[in-house]
PDB file of N, CA and C in Angstrom:
ATOM      1  N   MET A   1      35.010 -63.221 -24.121  1.00  0.00           N
ATOM      2  CA  MET A   1      34.233 -62.399 -23.501  1.00  0.00           C
ATOM      3  C   MET A   1      34.768 -60.872 -23.562  1.00  0.00           C
ATOM      4  N   LYS A   2      34.136 -59.995 -23.882  1.00  0.00           N
ATOM      5  CA  LYS A   2      34.809 -58.623 -24.242  1.00  0.00           C
ATOM      6  C   LYS A   2      33.989 -57.882 -22.958  1.00  0.00           C
ATOM      7  N   VAL A   3      34.707 -57.273 -22.180  1.00  0.00           N
ATOM      8  CA  VAL A   3      34.388 -56.382 -21.195  1.00  0.00           C
ATOM      9  C   VAL A   3      34.708 -54.974 -21.278  1.00  0.00           C
ATOM     10  N   ASP A   4      33.882 -54.036 -21.078  1.00  0.00           N
ATOM     11  CA  ASP A   4      34.282 -52.539 -21.226  1.00  0.00           C
ATOM     12  C   ASP A   4      35.102 -52.271 -20.041  1.00  0.00           C
ATOM     13  N   ARG A   5      36.137 -51.347 -20.134  1.00  0.00           N
ATOM     14  CA  ARG A   5      36.912 -51.059 -18.958  1.00  0.00           C
ATOM     15  C   ARG A   5      36.211 -50.318 -18.021  1.00  0.00           C
ATOM     16  N   SER A   6      35.178 -49.485 -18.349  1.00  0.00           N
ATOM     17  CA  SER A   6      34.313 -48.650 -17.582  1.00  0.00           C
ATOM     18  C   SER A   6      33.697 -49.502 -16.460  1.00  0.00           C
ATOM     19  N   ILE A   7      33.276 -50.809 -16.739  1.00  0.00           N
ATOM     20  CA  ILE A   7      32.871 -51.746 -16.146  1.00  0.00           C
ATOM     21  C   ILE A   7      33.542 -52.101 -14.743  1.00  0.00           C
ATOM     22  N   LEU A   8      34.912 -52.254 -15.075  1.00  0.00           N
ATOM     23  CA  LEU A   8      36.185 -52.376 -14.041  1.00  0.00           C
ATOM     24  C   LEU A   8      36.078 -51.315 -13.223  1.00  0.00           C
ATOM     25  N   ALA A   9      35.892 -49.963 -13.599  1.00  0.00           N
ATOM     26  CA  ALA A   9      36.053 -48.936 -13.005  1.00  0.00           C
ATOM     27  C   ALA A   9      34.895 -48.654 -12.097  1.00  0.00           C
ATOM     28  N   TRP A  10      33.885 -48.941 -12.384  1.00  0.00           N
ATOM     29  CA  TRP A  10      32.491 -48.961 -11.659  1.00  0.00           C
ATOM     30  C   TRP A  10      32.546 -49.999 -10.611  1.00  0.00           C
ATOM     31  N   MET A  11      33.059 -51.222 -10.953  1.00  0.00           N
ATOM     32  CA  MET A  11      33.204 -52.295 -10.050  1.00  0.00           C
ATOM     33  C   MET A  11      34.125 -51.871  -8.742  1.00  0.00           C
ATOM     34  N   LEU A  12      35.209 -51.327  -9.344  1.00  0.00           N
ATOM     35  CA  LEU A  12      36.273 -50.877  -8.078  1.00  0.00           C
ATOM     36  C   LEU A  12      35.666 -49.786  -7.326  1.00  0.00           C
ATOM     37  N   ALA A  13      34.651 -48.821  -7.787  1.00  0.00           N
ATOM     38  CA  ALA A  13      34.169 -47.944  -6.965  1.00  0.00           C
ATOM     39  C   ALA A  13      33.284 -48.139  -5.866  1.00  0.00           C
ATOM     40  N   LYS A  14      32.750 -49.154  -6.032  1.00  0.00           N
ATOM     41  CA  LYS A  14      31.796 -49.746  -5.078  1.00  0.00           C
ATOM     42  C   LYS A  14      32.373 -49.700  -3.678  1.00  0.00           C
ATOM     43  N   PRO A  15      31.776 -48.916  -2.737  1.00  0.00           N
ATOM     44  CA  PRO A  15      32.399 -48.870  -1.371  1.00  0.00           C
ATOM     45  C   PRO A  15      32.322 -49.963  -0.622  1.00  0.00           C
ATOM     46  N   SER A  16      31.495 -51.022  -0.973  1.00  0.00           N
ATOM     47  CA  SER A  16      31.363 -52.303  -0.306  1.00  0.00           C
ATOM     48  C   SER A  16      32.312 -53.122  -0.468  1.00  0.00           C
ATOM     49  N   SER A  17      33.053 -53.090  -1.585  1.00  0.00           N
ATOM     50  CA  SER A  17      34.085 -53.936  -1.944  1.00  0.00           C
ATOM     51  C   SER A  17      35.485 -53.176  -2.193  1.00  0.00           C
ATOM     52  N   SER A  18      35.487 -52.030  -2.114  1.00  0.00           N
ATOM     53  CA  SER A  18      36.639 -51.384  -2.563  1.00  0.00           C
ATOM     54  C   SER A  18      37.759 -51.117  -1.502  1.00  0.00           C
ATOM     55  N   TRP A  19      38.938 -51.074  -1.801  1.00  0.00           N
ATOM     56  CA  TRP A  19      39.933 -50.862  -0.470  1.00  0.00           C
ATOM     57  C   TRP A  19      39.602 -49.575   0.208  1.00  0.00           C
ATOM     58  N   TYR A  20      39.042 -48.756  -0.422  1.00  0.00           N
ATOM     59  CA  TYR A  20      38.679 -47.442   0.295  1.00  0.00           C
ATOM     60  C   TYR A  20      37.579 -47.587   1.267  1.00  0.00           C
ATOM     61  N   GLY A  21      36.440 -48.440   0.879  1.00  0.00           N
ATOM     62  CA  GLY A  21      35.557 -48.763   1.711  1.00  0.00           C
ATOM     63  C   GLY A  21      36.065 -49.291   2.965  1.00  0.00           C
ATOM     64  N   VAL A  22      37.066 -50.475   2.792  1.00  0.00           N
ATOM     65  CA  VAL A  22      37.521 -51.363   3.766  1.00  0.00           C
ATOM     66  C   VAL A  22      38.460 -50.558   4.774  1.00  0.00           C
ATOM     67  N   ALA A  23      39.156 -49.639   4.086  1.00  0.00           N
ATOM     68  CA  ALA A  23      40.027 -48.680   5.172  1.00  0.00           C
ATOM     69  C   ALA A  23      39.295 -47.726   5.725  1.00  0.00           C
ATOM     70  N   LEU A  24      38.056 -47.316   5.334  1.00  0.00           N
ATOM     71  CA  LEU A  24      37.077 -46.410   6.182  1.00  0.00           C
ATOM     72  C   LEU A  24      36.504 -47.152   7.348  1.00  0.00           C
ATOM     73  N   MET A  25      36.109 -48.508   6.881  1.00  0.00           N
ATOM     74  CA  MET A  25      35.355 -49.266   7.866  1.00  0.00           C
ATOM     75  C   MET A  25      36.461 -49.377   9.064  1.00  0.00           C
ATOM     76  N   ARG A  26      37.772 -49.748   8.890  1.00  0.00           N
ATOM     77  CA  ARG A  26      38.955 -49.963   9.836  1.00  0.00           C
ATOM     78  C   ARG A  26      39.009 -48.626  10.561  1.00  0.00           C
ATOM     79  N   LEU A  27      38.921 -47.669   9.899  1.00  0.00           N
ATOM     80  CA  LEU A  27      39.236 -46.450  10.686  1.00  0.00           C
ATOM     81  C   LEU A  27      38.088 -45.994  11.662  1.00  0.00           C
ATOM     82  N   GLN A  28      36.932 -46.308  10.972  1.00  0.00           N
ATOM     83  CA  GLN A  28      35.753 -45.941  11.988  1.00  0.00           C
ATOM     84  C   GLN A  28      35.748 -46.808  13.228  1.00  0.00           C
ATOM     85  N   ARG A  29      36.633 -47.863  13.355  1.00  0.00           N
ATOM     86  CA  ARG A  29      36.644 -48.658  14.641  1.00  0.00           C
ATOM     87  C   ARG A  29      37.309 -47.927  15.778  1.00  0.00           C
ATOM     88  N   GLY A  30      38.012 -46.917  15.282  1.00  0.00           N
ATOM     89  CA  GLY A  30      38.796 -46.186  16.273  1.00  0.00           C
ATOM     90  C   GLY A  30      40.461 -46.073  15.681  1.00  0.00           C
ATOM     91  N   PRO A  31      41.288 -45.040  16.190  1.00  0.00           N
ATOM     92  CA  PRO A  31      42.381 -44.979  15.559  1.00  0.00           C
ATOM     93  C   PRO A  31      43.352 -46.103  15.823  1.00  0.00           C
ATOM     94  N   PRO A  32      43.837 -46.798  14.711  1.00  0.00           N
ATOM     95  CA  PRO A  32      44.752 -47.794  14.691  1.00  0.00           C
ATOM     96  C   PRO A  32      46.176 -47.421  15.528  1.00  0.00           C
ATOM     97  N   ALA A  33      46.626 -48.563  16.212  1.00  0.00           N
ATOM     98  CA  ALA A  33      47.954 -48.260  16.672  1.00  0.00           C
ATOM     99  C   ALA A  33      49.110 -48.092  15.496  1.00  0.00           C
ATOM    100  N   ALA A  34      48.910 -48.700  14.613  1.00  0.00           N
ATOM    101  CA  ALA A  34      49.596 -48.533  13.242  1.00  0.00           C
ATOM    102  C   ALA A  34      48.891 -48.847  12.174  1.00  0.00           C
ATOM    103  N   ILE A  35      49.295 -48.090  11.085  1.00  0.00           N
ATOM    104  CA  ILE A  35      48.500 -48.701   9.858  1.00  0.00           C
ATOM    105  C   ILE A  35      49.673 -49.529   9.078  1.00  0.00           C
ATOM    106  N   ASN A  36      49.163 -50.753   8.708  1.00  0.00           N
ATOM    107  CA  ASN A  36      50.123 -51.631   8.092  1.00  0.00           C
ATOM    108  C   ASN A  36      49.993 -51.505   6.563  1.00  0.00           C
ATOM    109  N   LEU A  37      50.639 -50.517   5.914  1.00  0.00           N
ATOM    110  CA  LEU A  37      50.331 -50.109   4.500  1.00  0.00           C
ATOM    111  C   LEU A  37      50.587 -51.362   3.539  1.00  0.00           C
ATOM    112  N   PRO A  38      51.616 -52.116   3.755  1.00  0.00           N
ATOM    113  CA  PRO A  38      51.782 -53.410   3.064  1.00  0.00           C
ATOM    114  C   PRO A  38      50.541 -54.209   3.048  1.00  0.00           C
ATOM    115  N   ALA A  39      50.032 -54.671   4.191  1.00  0.00           N
ATOM    116  CA  ALA A  39      48.800 -55.339   4.301  1.00  0.00           C
ATOM    117  C   ALA A  39      47.760 -54.771   3.607  1.00  0.00           C
ATOM    118  N   MET A  40      47.516 -53.541   3.742  1.00  0.00           N
ATOM    119  CA  MET A  40      46.523 -52.876   3.050  1.00  0.00           C
ATOM    120  C   MET A  40      46.520 -52.797   1.488  1.00  0.00           C
ATOM    121  N   ILE A  41      47.742 -52.849   1.145  1.00  0.00           N
ATOM    122  CA  ILE A  41      48.054 -52.810  -0.414  1.00  0.00           C
ATOM    123  C   ILE A  41      47.803 -54.427  -0.918  1.00  0.00           C
ATOM    124  N   ARG A  42      48.304 -55.413  -0.184  1.00  0.00           N
ATOM    125  CA  ARG A  42      48.218 -56.737  -0.473  1.00  0.00           C
ATOM    126  C   ARG A  42      46.440 -57.077  -0.532  1.00  0.00           C
ATOM    127  N   ASP A  43      45.664 -56.544   0.623  1.00  0.00           N
ATOM    128  CA  ASP A  43      44.294 -56.749   0.520  1.00  0.00           C
ATOM    129  C   ASP A  43      43.475 -56.165  -0.551  1.00  0.00           C
ATOM    130  N   TYR A  44      44.100 -54.885  -1.056  1.00  0.00           N
ATOM    131  CA  TYR A  44      43.478 -54.283  -2.117  1.00  0.00           C
ATOM    132  C   TYR A  44      43.717 -55.053  -3.316  1.00  0.00           C
ATOM    133  N   GLU A  45      45.180 -55.372  -3.769  1.00  0.00           N
ATOM    134  CA  GLU A  45      45.518 -56.179  -4.854  1.00  0.00           C
ATOM    135  C   GLU A  45      44.630 -57.543  -5.037  1.00  0.00           C
ATOM    136  N   ARG A  46      44.630 -58.225  -3.792  1.00  0.00           N
ATOM    137  CA  ARG A  46      43.701 -59.415  -3.740  1.00  0.00           C
ATOM    138  C   ARG A  46      42.370 -59.217  -4.201  1.00  0.00           C
ATOM    139  N   ALA A  47      41.651 -58.251  -3.730  1.00  0.00           N
ATOM    140  CA  ALA A  47      40.264 -58.031  -3.906  1.00  0.00           C
ATOM    141  C   ALA A  47      40.151 -57.532  -5.313  1.00  0.00           C
ATOM    142  N   ILE A  48      40.968 -56.726  -6.050  1.00  0.00           N
ATOM    143  CA  ILE A  48      40.839 -56.166  -7.422  1.00  0.00           C
ATOM    144  C   ILE A  48      40.905 -57.631  -8.195  1.00  0.00           C
ATOM    145  N   ILE A  49      41.919 -58.419  -7.994  1.00  0.00           N
ATOM    146  CA  ILE A  49      42.033 -59.655  -8.862  1.00  0.00           C
ATOM    147  C   ILE A  49      40.932 -60.542  -8.655  1.00  0.00           C
ATOM    148  N   VAL A  50      40.396 -60.808  -7.504  1.00  0.00           N
ATOM    149  CA  VAL A  50      39.223 -61.771  -7.305  1.00  0.00           C
ATOM    150  C   VAL A  50      38.154 -61.175  -7.926  1.00  0.00           C
ATOM    151  N   GLU A  51      37.874 -59.890  -7.783  1.00  0.00           N
ATOM    152  CA  GLU A  51      36.405 -59.175  -8.473  1.00  0.00           C
ATOM    153  C   GLU A  51      36.716 -59.219  -9.951  1.00  0.00           C
ATOM    154  N   THR A  52      37.959 -59.011 -10.346  1.00  0.00           N
ATOM    155  CA  THR A  52      38.035 -58.995 -11.729  1.00  0.00           C
ATOM    156  C   THR A  52      37.796 -60.339 -12.369  1.00  0.00           C
ATOM    157  N   LEU A  53      38.440 -61.480 -11.876  1.00  0.00           N
ATOM    158  CA  LEU A  53      38.190 -62.802 -12.287  1.00  0.00           C
ATOM    159  C   LEU A  53      36.602 -63.167 -12.030  1.00  0.00           C
ATOM    160  N   ASP A  54      35.776 -62.706 -11.126  1.00  0.00           N
ATOM    161  CA  ASP A  54      34.358 -62.960 -11.076  1.00  0.00           C
ATOM    162  C   ASP A  54      33.909 -62.311 -12.282  1.00  0.00           C
ATOM    163  N   LEU A  55      34.188 -60.996 -12.517  1.00  0.00           N
ATOM    164  CA  LEU A  55      33.461 -60.171 -13.659  1.00  0.00           C
ATOM    165  C   LEU A  55      33.632 -60.971 -15.102  1.00  0.00           C
ATOM    166  N   VAL A  56      35.014 -61.569 -15.177  1.00  0.00           N
ATOM    167  CA  VAL A  56      35.096 -62.243 -16.580  1.00  0.00           C
ATOM    168  C   VAL A  56      34.813 -63.763 -16.538  1.00  0.00           C
ATOM    169  N   GLY A  57      34.285 -64.241 -15.537  1.00  0.00           N
ATOM    170  CA  GLY A  57      33.823 -65.726 -15.504  1.00  0.00           C
ATOM    171  C   GLY A  57      35.049 -66.519 -15.141  1.00  0.00           C
ATOM    172  N   GLY A  58      36.063 -66.096 -14.551  1.00  0.00           N
ATOM    173  CA  GLY A  58      37.156 -66.980 -14.214  1.00  0.00           C
ATOM    174  C   GLY A  58      38.298 -67.062 -15.286  1.00  0.00           C
ATOM    175  N   SER A  59      38.144 -66.373 -16.277  1.00  0.00           N
ATOM    176  CA  SER A  59      39.072 -66.305 -17.476  1.00  0.00           C
ATOM    177  C   SER A  59      40.379 -65.587 -16.965  1.00  0.00           C
ATOM    178  N   HIS A  60      41.502 -66.341 -16.962  1.00  0.00           N
ATOM    179  CA  HIS A  60      42.736 -65.473 -16.511  1.00  0.00           C
ATOM    180  C   HIS A  60      43.181 -64.631 -17.603  1.00  0.00           C
ATOM    181  N   THR A  61      43.005 -64.922 -18.949  1.00  0.00           N
ATOM    182  CA  THR A  61      43.536 -64.271 -20.042  1.00  0.00           C
ATOM    183  C   THR A  61      42.570 -62.935 -19.951  1.00  0.00           C
ATOM    184  N   GLU A  62      41.156 -63.036 -20.020  1.00  0.00           N
ATOM    185  CA  GLU A  62      40.387 -61.718 -19.851  1.00  0.00           C
ATOM    186  C   GLU A  62      40.723 -60.880 -18.733  1.00  0.00           C
ATOM    187  N   ALA A  63      40.960 -61.585 -17.632  1.00  0.00           N
ATOM    188  CA  ALA A  63      41.237 -60.597 -16.337  1.00  0.00           C
ATOM    189  C   ALA A  63      42.545 -59.906 -16.592  1.00  0.00           C
ATOM    190  N   ALA A  64      43.579 -60.607 -17.033  1.00  0.00           N
ATOM    191  CA  ALA A  64      44.839 -60.091 -17.303  1.00  0.00           C
ATOM    192  C   ALA A  64      44.826 -59.004 -18.352  1.00  0.00           C
ATOM    193  N   LYS A  65      43.948 -59.035 -19.328  1.00  0.00           N
ATOM    194  CA  LYS A  65      43.811 -57.845 -20.327  1.00  0.00           C
ATOM    195  C   LYS A  65      43.232 -56.651 -19.482  1.00  0.00           C
ATOM    196  N   LEU A  66      42.171 -57.031 -18.779  1.00  0.00           N
ATOM    197  CA  LEU A  66      41.610 -55.829 -17.964  1.00  0.00           C
ATOM    198  C   LEU A  66      42.456 -55.197 -17.149  1.00  0.00           C
ATOM    199  N   LEU A  67      43.398 -56.037 -16.442  1.00  0.00           N
ATOM    200  CA  LEU A  67      44.327 -55.399 -15.288  1.00  0.00           C
ATOM    201  C   LEU A  67      45.501 -54.906 -15.921  1.00  0.00           C
ATOM    202  N   MET A  68      45.607 -55.088 -17.363  1.00  0.00           N
ATOM    203  CA  MET A  68      46.831 -54.859 -18.095  1.00  0.00           C
ATOM    204  C   MET A  68      48.150 -55.355 -17.514  1.00  0.00           C
ATOM    205  N   LEU A  69      47.943 -56.783 -17.533  1.00  0.00           N
ATOM    206  CA  LEU A  69      48.951 -57.521 -16.974  1.00  0.00           C
ATOM    207  C   LEU A  69      49.267 -58.856 -18.064  1.00  0.00           C
ATOM    208  N   ASN A  70      50.492 -59.504 -18.019  1.00  0.00           N
ATOM    209  CA  ASN A  70      50.511 -60.664 -18.886  1.00  0.00           C
ATOM    210  C   ASN A  70      49.900 -61.520 -17.864  1.00  0.00           C
ATOM    211  N   ARG A  71      49.190 -62.813 -18.781  1.00  0.00           N
ATOM    212  CA  ARG A  71      48.476 -63.724 -17.858  1.00  0.00           C
ATOM    213  C   ARG A  71      49.325 -64.422 -17.004  1.00  0.00           C
ATOM    214  N   THR A  72      50.727 -64.718 -17.411  1.00  0.00           N
ATOM    215  CA  THR A  72      51.455 -65.303 -16.362  1.00  0.00           C
ATOM    216  C   THR A  72      51.914 -64.577 -15.112  1.00  0.00           C
ATOM    217  N   THR A  73      51.834 -63.157 -15.163  1.00  0.00           N
ATOM    218  CA  THR A  73      52.208 -62.289 -14.183  1.00  0.00           C
ATOM    219  C   THR A  73      50.973 -62.334 -13.255  1.00  0.00           C
ATOM    220  N   LEU A  74      49.770 -62.321 -13.903  1.00  0.00           N
ATOM    221  CA  LEU A  74      48.472 -62.329 -13.114  1.00  0.00           C
ATOM    222  C   LEU A  74      48.537 -63.750 -12.211  1.00  0.00           C
ATOM    223  N   GLU A  75      48.930 -64.701 -13.022  1.00  0.00           N
ATOM    224  CA  GLU A  75      48.933 -66.309 -12.329  1.00  0.00           C
ATOM    225  C   GLU A  75      49.852 -66.128 -11.159  1.00  0.00           C
ATOM    226  N   SER A  76      50.996 -65.491 -11.353  1.00  0.00           N
ATOM    227  CA  SER A  76      52.054 -65.366 -10.378  1.00  0.00           C
ATOM    228  C   SER A  76      51.353 -64.680  -9.113  1.00  0.00           C
ATOM    229  N   ARG A  77      50.862 -63.511  -9.318  1.00  0.00           N
ATOM    230  CA  ARG A  77      50.456 -62.837  -8.293  1.00  0.00           C
ATOM    231  C   ARG A  77      49.069 -63.465  -7.675  1.00  0.00           C
ATOM    232  N   MET A  78      48.238 -64.290  -8.239  1.00  0.00           N
ATOM    233  CA  MET A  78      47.481 -65.062  -7.676  1.00  0.00           C
ATOM    234  C   MET A  78      48.018 -66.072  -6.758  1.00  0.00           C
ATOM    235  N   LYS A  79      49.182 -66.676  -7.154  1.00  0.00           N
ATOM    236  CA  LYS A  79      49.751 -67.595  -6.201  1.00  0.00           C
ATOM    237  C   LYS A  79      50.320 -66.994  -5.220  1.00  0.00           C
ATOM    238  N   ALA A  80      50.945 -65.850  -5.370  1.00  0.00           N
ATOM    239  CA  ALA A  80      51.789 -65.188  -4.084  1.00  0.00           C
ATOM    240  C   ALA A  80      50.357 -64.705  -3.126  1.00  0.00           C
ATOM    241  N   LEU A  81      49.337 -64.351  -3.724  1.00  0.00           N
ATOM    242  CA  LEU A  81      48.036 -63.897  -2.824  1.00  0.00           C
ATOM    243  C   LEU A  81      47.245 -65.147  -2.274  1.00  0.00           C
ATOM    244  N   ALA A  82      47.527 -66.229  -2.534  1.00  0.00           N
ATOM    245  CA  ALA A  82      46.855 -67.525  -2.149  1.00  0.00           C
ATOM    246  C   ALA A  82      45.369 -67.571  -2.829  1.00  0.00           C
ATOM    247  N   ILE A  83      45.402 -67.058  -4.113  1.00  0.00           N
ATOM    248  CA  ILE A  83      44.036 -67.082  -4.939  1.00  0.00           C
ATOM    249  C   ILE A  83      44.108 -68.285  -5.759  1.00  0.00           C
ATOM    250  N   PRO A  84      43.056 -69.363  -5.604  1.00  0.00           N
ATOM    251  CA  PRO A  84      43.097 -70.584  -6.322  1.00  0.00           C
ATOM    252  C   PRO A  84      43.191 -70.375  -7.687  1.00  0.00           C
ATOM    253  N   LEU A  85      44.118 -71.087  -8.495  1.00  0.00           N
ATOM    254  CA  LEU A  85      44.160 -71.028  -9.808  1.00  0.00           C
ATOM    255  C   LEU A  85      43.109 -71.734 -10.657  1.00  0.00           C
ATOM    256  N   THR A  86      41.919 -71.685 -10.070  1.00  0.00           N
ATOM    257  CA  THR A  86      40.984 -72.444 -10.844  1.00  0.00           C
ATOM    258  C   THR A  86      40.346 -71.393 -11.876  1.00  0.00           C
ATOM    259  N   GLY A  87      39.465 -72.007 -12.794  1.00  0.00           N
ATOM    260  CA  GLY A  87      38.946 -71.245 -13.795  1.00  0.00           C
ATOM    261  C   GLY A  87      39.606 -71.536 -15.217  1.00  0.00           C
ATOM    262  N   ARG A  88      39.210 -70.756 -16.061  1.00  0.00           N
ATOM    263  CA  ARG A  88      39.632 -70.843 -17.490  1.00  0.00           C
ATOM    264  C   ARG A  88      40.873 -70.308 -17.577  1.00  0.00           C
ATOM    265  N   ARG A  89      42.024 -70.797 -18.177  1.00  0.00           N
ATOM    266  CA  ARG A  89      43.302 -69.991 -18.277  1.00  0.00           C
ATOM    267  C   ARG A  89      43.302 -69.345 -19.525  1.00  0.00           C
ATOM    268  N   ARG A  90      42.695 -69.772 -20.585  1.00  0.00           N
ATOM    269  CA  ARG A  90      42.538 -69.207 -21.805  1.00  0.00           C
ATOM    270  C   ARG A  90      41.071 -68.841 -22.167  1.00  0.00           C
ATOM    271  N   SER A  91      40.962 -67.638 -22.978  1.00  0.00           N
ATOM    272  CA  SER A  91      39.672 -67.339 -23.481  1.00  0.00           C
ATOM    273  C   SER A  91      39.344 -68.422 -24.667  1.00  0.00           C
ATOM    274  N   LYS A  92      37.916 -68.607 -24.686  1.00  0.00           N
ATOM    275  CA  LYS A  92      37.465 -69.673 -25.796  1.00  0.00           C
ATOM    276  C   LYS A  92      36.949 -68.818 -26.956  1.00  0.00           C
TER     277      LYS A  92
END
């Protein structure tokens, strides 16, 4: 499945699912005692990977291409972020 990179950019710009939208919602609740930047980055990375996998129908190979990663690097990040390694590993 071929996916235009502009689709990924549009998907990431949606305020409901983007890290920016999440950060804004957190800040609207009131000033935090501290901002946990590593946790925000981890949440952002997880959201990007999950949405990209959804966009390409679960293909690890296609998701890795869109994210400009090696497939094995993507799967390593998925494991570290507790994202299930289900779906197609290779494009057909």
